[in-house]
Amino acid sequence: MHFTKMHGLGNDYLYVYGDVPGNIEELSKKLSDRHFGAGSDGMIYISPSAVADFKMRIFNADGSEAMMCGNGIRCVGKYVYDKGYTDRTRLTVETLSGVKRLEMRVAAGKVRSVTVDMGTASVGGEMTVDAAGQSVTGTAVSVGNPHFVIFTDDAEAVPLTQLGPVIEKNGAFPGGVNVEFVQPVGEDTLRMRVWERGSGVTMACGTGACASAAAAVSRGLCRPGRTVSVILDGGTLKITVDEEGRVLMTGPAESIYEGETDL
């Protein structure tokens, strides 16, 4: 099996063009292991689609399937363009959370950045959950997958590895949830750290950045229609949330290396 390791701001996946194998849960666990495998946050399979230009399926490092990945879908756009599966810079990609639209920026024949129309974010009210004996208040947001956005005065000081896994599996979120700790650090600027459902701490989460910006706009911490800079461990994403809650995400996509395995 041939794969390409790619990342969006350090959120790395192994990309394969073809059908998803029957042993995908075992395969994703093995190859994602950072000591005994290639090392990644999971695997993404790309194939033709009956309803869009391409289809993507996302498998986390624990073998579970994800509905959507913002950093992953940007890399899908780069993959299919750079490898010659398409010569178009505007594409549609089928995901478990619906068809998404991509616009790619190309330089020297390679995709350098991608803007994704993420659709409309659904922002709920504030809710409080118990996490490791603490009461944690956050905002539930859906951008095709579930998020719990917690605003804090100091994102760096948050015990991410202690609170993240407990909140992820809290009974208030039957299917689990992605957890974001977000600190407003300036005008239309947010600092975000993330615990991703099924993968743990990651360098970046595209859907998490979208959810965080949508929650910030809903609470009046950022302004609708303005570009919000979301600073992640791996870099910065640019997010725009309009008055109706429609979200646009812009960020880089990078190839790391090509690999083969007989697993």
Protein backbone atom coordinates (compact mmCIF):
# COMPACT_ATOMS: atom_id res chain seq x y z
CA MET A 1 0.00 0.00 0.00
CA HIS A 2 1.35 3.37 -1.01
CA PHE A 3 0.62 6.38 1.20
CA THR A 4 1.53 10.05 1.37
CA LYS A 5 2.14 11.69 4.70
CA MET A 6 0.76 15.26 4.73
CA HIS A 7 -0.03 17.88 7.33
CA GLY A 8 -2.00 21.06 7.86
CA LEU A 9 -0.25 23.07 10.59
CA GLY A 10 1.19 19.88 12.09
CA ASN A 11 -2.14 17.98 12.08
CA ASP A 12 -0.73 15.03 10.13
CA TYR A 13 -2.44 12.13 8.35
CA LEU A 14 -1.49 9.32 6.01
CA TYR A 15 -3.33 9.74 2.68
CA VAL A 16 -4.26 6.87 0.39
CA TYR A 17 -6.11 7.03 -2.93
CA GLY A 18 -8.34 3.97 -3.19
CA ASP A 19 -10.96 1.89 -1.45
CA VAL A 20 -11.04 1.61 2.33
CA PRO A 21 -9.85 -1.89 3.38
CA GLY A 22 -11.81 -4.13 5.73
CA ASN A 23 -9.09 -3.97 8.39
CA ILE A 24 -9.02 -0.16 8.49
CA GLU A 25 -9.40 0.08 12.29
CA GLU A 26 -6.38 -2.13 12.89
CA LEU A 27 -4.43 -0.51 10.05
CA SER A 28 -5.02 3.05 11.27
CA LYS A 29 -3.97 2.13 14.80
CA LYS A 30 -0.76 0.45 13.61
CA LEU A 31 0.35 3.03 11.07
CA SER A 32 -0.57 6.02 13.27
CA ASP A 33 1.62 4.82 16.13
CA ARG A 34 4.50 7.29 16.46
CA HIS A 35 6.98 4.66 17.70
CA PHE A 36 6.07 1.50 15.78
CA GLY A 37 4.30 2.96 12.73
CA ALA A 38 4.66 5.87 10.35
CA GLY A 39 3.28 8.21 13.00
CA SER A 40 0.19 10.33 12.40
CA ASP A 41 -3.11 11.58 13.79
CA GLY A 42 -4.84 9.02 11.57
CA MET A 43 -5.48 8.00 7.97
CA ILE A 44 -7.51 9.61 5.19
CA TYR A 45 -8.76 7.69 2.16
CA ILE A 46 -9.61 9.51 -1.09
CA SER A 47 -11.80 8.12 -3.85
CA PRO A 48 -14.17 9.22 -6.65
CA SER A 49 -17.62 10.34 -5.53
CA ALA A 50 -21.10 10.04 -7.00
CA VAL A 51 -22.16 13.41 -5.56
CA ALA A 52 -18.94 15.48 -5.65
CA ASP A 53 -15.55 15.59 -7.37
CA PHE A 54 -13.94 13.42 -4.69
CA LYS A 55 -14.81 11.65 -1.46
CA MET A 56 -12.79 11.53 1.75
CA ARG A 57 -13.06 9.17 4.72
CA ILE A 58 -11.17 9.93 7.92
CA PHE A 59 -9.93 7.42 10.46
CA ASN A 60 -8.47 8.56 13.75
CA ALA A 61 -5.38 7.18 15.44
CA ASP A 62 -7.62 4.99 17.63
CA GLY A 63 -9.27 3.46 14.55
CA SER A 64 -12.59 5.30 14.89
CA GLU A 65 -14.07 7.11 11.90
CA ALA A 66 -14.42 10.90 11.98
CA MET A 67 -17.10 12.89 10.21
CA MET A 68 -14.93 15.80 9.12
CA CYS A 69 -11.39 17.17 9.35
CA GLY A 70 -10.64 20.76 8.38
CA ASN A 71 -6.88 20.36 8.08
CA GLY A 72 -7.36 17.00 6.37
CA ILE A 73 -9.69 18.30 3.67
CA ARG A 74 -7.20 21.02 2.70
CA CYS A 75 -4.58 18.32 2.21
CA VAL A 76 -7.06 16.30 0.11
CA GLY A 77 -7.30 19.28 -2.24
CA LYS A 78 -3.51 19.48 -2.49
CA TYR A 79 -3.21 15.71 -2.96
CA VAL A 80 -5.60 15.43 -5.91
CA TYR A 81 -4.22 18.55 -7.64
CA ASP A 82 -0.51 17.94 -7.11
CA LYS A 83 -0.80 14.28 -8.17
CA GLY A 84 -2.77 15.10 -11.33
CA TYR A 85 -6.18 13.65 -10.41
CA THR A 86 -7.62 17.06 -11.35
CA ASP A 87 -6.43 20.29 -12.95
CA ARG A 88 -9.20 22.38 -11.39
CA THR A 89 -8.57 24.74 -8.48
CA ARG A 90 -12.21 24.72 -7.34
CA LEU A 91 -13.47 21.36 -6.13
CA THR A 92 -16.21 19.68 -4.14
CA VAL A 93 -15.40 16.94 -1.63
CA GLU A 94 -17.90 14.53 -0.11
CA THR A 95 -17.55 13.95 3.64
CA LEU A 96 -19.72 12.32 6.30
CA SER A 97 -20.82 15.84 7.27
CA GLY A 98 -21.84 16.80 3.73
CA VAL A 99 -20.24 18.13 0.56
CA LYS A 100 -17.64 20.85 1.11
CA ARG A 101 -16.35 23.36 -1.44
CA LEU A 102 -12.63 24.08 -1.83
CA GLU A 103 -10.75 26.89 -3.54
CA MET A 104 -7.03 26.27 -3.92
CA ARG A 105 -4.19 28.74 -4.39
CA VAL A 106 -1.41 27.41 -6.60
CA ALA A 107 2.20 28.57 -6.99
CA ALA A 108 4.85 26.91 -9.16
CA GLY A 109 2.41 24.15 -10.03
CA LYS A 110 1.71 23.13 -6.43
CA VAL A 111 -1.14 23.92 -4.05
CA ARG A 112 0.09 26.17 -1.25
CA SER A 113 -3.12 27.08 0.61
CA VAL A 114 -6.79 26.16 0.49
CA THR A 115 -10.01 27.94 1.46
CA VAL A 116 -12.84 25.64 2.51
CA ASP A 117 -16.51 26.58 2.75
CA MET A 118 -17.32 24.71 5.95
CA GLY A 119 -21.05 25.42 5.84
CA THR A 120 -23.05 26.91 8.69
CA ALA A 121 -21.95 26.44 12.27
CA SER A 122 -24.60 25.56 14.84
CA VAL A 123 -23.78 27.28 18.14
CA GLY A 124 -25.63 26.19 21.28
CA GLY A 125 -25.89 27.85 24.64
CA GLU A 126 -23.41 27.58 27.48
CA MET A 127 -23.40 24.35 29.46
CA THR A 128 -21.45 23.08 32.45
CA VAL A 129 -19.99 19.58 32.72
CA ASP A 130 -18.04 17.78 35.42
CA ALA A 131 -14.43 17.01 34.50
CA ALA A 132 -12.06 15.36 36.95
CA GLY A 133 -13.87 16.93 39.89
CA GLN A 134 -14.03 20.35 38.28
CA SER A 135 -17.05 22.16 36.86
CA VAL A 136 -16.16 23.31 33.34
CA THR A 137 -18.39 25.69 31.39
CA GLY A 138 -18.25 25.81 27.60
CA THR A 139 -20.25 26.20 24.42
CA ALA A 140 -21.40 23.27 22.29
CA VAL A 141 -20.79 23.89 18.59
CA SER A 142 -21.36 21.70 15.53
CA VAL A 143 -19.51 22.30 12.27
CA GLY A 144 -20.43 18.90 10.91
CA ASN A 145 -18.77 17.29 13.93
CA PRO A 146 -19.20 18.07 17.65
CA HIS A 147 -17.09 20.53 19.64
CA PHE A 148 -17.06 21.90 23.18
CA VAL A 149 -15.43 25.34 23.22
CA ILE A 150 -14.16 26.55 26.60
CA PHE A 151 -13.01 30.16 26.92
CA THR A 152 -10.14 30.73 29.32
CA ASP A 153 -7.83 33.52 30.45
CA ASP A 154 -4.72 31.42 29.83
CA ALA A 155 -4.79 28.67 27.22
CA GLU A 156 -1.17 27.75 27.91
CA ALA A 157 -1.86 26.94 31.56
CA VAL A 158 -4.81 24.61 30.89
CA PRO A 159 -4.12 20.97 31.91
CA LEU A 160 -5.10 19.75 28.45
CA THR A 161 -4.12 16.11 28.90
CA GLN A 162 -6.06 15.88 32.16
CA LEU A 163 -9.28 17.64 31.20
CA GLY A 164 -9.39 16.76 27.49
CA PRO A 165 -9.95 12.99 27.68
CA VAL A 166 -12.45 13.32 30.54
CA ILE A 167 -14.59 15.90 28.73
CA GLU A 168 -14.32 13.96 25.45
CA LYS A 169 -16.08 11.00 27.03
CA ASN A 170 -18.45 12.94 29.30
CA GLY A 171 -22.01 11.57 29.29
CA ALA A 172 -23.30 14.91 28.01
CA PHE A 173 -21.71 14.00 24.66
CA PRO A 174 -22.91 10.47 23.80
CA GLY A 175 -20.65 10.10 20.77
CA GLY A 176 -17.70 11.91 22.32
CA VAL A 177 -16.62 15.47 21.57
CA ASN A 178 -13.63 17.53 20.44
CA VAL A 179 -12.49 19.89 23.20
CA GLU A 180 -11.07 23.37 22.58
CA PHE A 181 -9.59 25.74 25.16
CA VAL A 182 -9.65 29.25 23.71
CA GLN A 183 -8.12 32.51 24.91
CA PRO A 184 -8.96 35.86 23.24
CA VAL A 185 -5.58 37.56 22.81
CA GLY A 186 -6.39 40.62 20.72
CA GLU A 187 -8.84 42.08 18.25
CA ASP A 188 -10.22 39.20 16.17
CA THR A 189 -7.41 36.95 17.42
CA LEU A 190 -7.79 33.73 19.41
CA ARG A 191 -5.26 31.31 20.92
CA MET A 192 -6.59 27.75 20.82
CA ARG A 193 -5.38 24.40 22.15
CA VAL A 194 -7.23 21.21 21.34
CA TRP A 195 -7.93 17.68 22.47
CA GLU A 196 -9.32 15.86 19.42
CA ARG A 197 -11.84 13.08 19.76
CA GLY A 198 -10.10 9.82 18.89
CA SER A 199 -6.63 11.35 18.49
CA GLY A 200 -5.81 13.27 21.68
CA VAL A 201 -3.63 16.38 21.66
CA THR A 202 -2.91 17.56 18.12
CA MET A 203 -0.93 20.48 16.73
CA ALA A 204 -4.01 21.89 15.02
CA CYS A 205 -7.69 21.21 14.40
CA GLY A 206 -9.37 22.96 11.48
CA THR A 207 -12.94 22.24 12.52
CA GLY A 208 -12.00 23.20 16.09
CA ALA A 209 -10.71 26.56 14.88
CA CYS A 210 -14.00 27.08 12.99
CA ALA A 211 -16.04 26.11 16.06
CA SER A 212 -13.97 28.41 18.29
CA ALA A 213 -14.39 31.39 15.95
CA ALA A 214 -18.14 30.72 15.64
CA ALA A 215 -18.49 30.56 19.44
CA ALA A 216 -16.45 33.77 19.82
CA VAL A 217 -18.65 35.60 17.30
CA SER A 218 -21.79 34.31 19.03
CA ARG A 219 -20.53 35.66 22.36
CA GLY A 220 -19.44 38.99 20.91
CA LEU A 221 -15.74 38.33 21.43
CA CYS A 222 -15.09 38.57 17.67
CA ARG A 223 -17.01 40.34 14.92
CA PRO A 224 -19.00 38.65 12.16
CA GLY A 225 -17.65 39.09 8.66
CA ARG A 226 -14.13 39.83 9.87
CA THR A 227 -11.18 37.48 9.46
CA VAL A 228 -10.35 35.86 12.79
CA SER A 229 -6.80 34.62 13.33
CA VAL A 230 -6.86 31.38 15.33
CA ILE A 231 -3.39 30.63 16.68
CA LEU A 232 -2.79 26.89 17.12
CA ASP A 233 0.26 24.97 18.31
CA GLY A 234 1.16 24.31 14.67
CA GLY A 235 0.45 27.75 13.22
CA THR A 236 -2.42 30.09 12.38
CA LEU A 237 -5.69 29.54 10.52
CA LYS A 238 -7.81 32.35 9.12
CA ILE A 239 -11.51 31.93 9.84
CA THR A 240 -14.44 34.10 8.72
CA VAL A 241 -17.92 33.69 10.21
CA ASP A 242 -20.68 35.75 8.60
CA GLU A 243 -23.93 37.02 10.13
CA GLU A 244 -25.72 33.76 9.24
CA GLY A 245 -22.99 31.58 10.76
CA ARG A 246 -21.44 30.45 7.48
CA VAL A 247 -17.78 29.63 8.03
CA LEU A 248 -14.81 29.95 5.65
CA MET A 249 -11.46 28.46 6.67
CA THR A 250 -8.13 29.29 4.98
CA GLY A 251 -4.83 27.61 5.73
CA PRO A 252 -1.81 25.78 4.30
CA ALA A 253 -1.44 22.16 3.19
CA GLU A 254 1.95 20.45 3.04
CA SER A 255 3.35 17.14 1.82
CA ILE A 256 5.96 15.44 4.04
CA TYR A 257 6.97 12.19 2.32
CA GLU A 258 5.81 9.17 0.33
CA GLY A 259 5.83 5.71 1.88
CA GLU A 260 4.91 2.07 1.32
CA THR A 261 3.86 -0.68 3.71
CA ASP A 262 2.94 -4.36 3.40
CA LEU A 263 0.59 -4.24 6.43
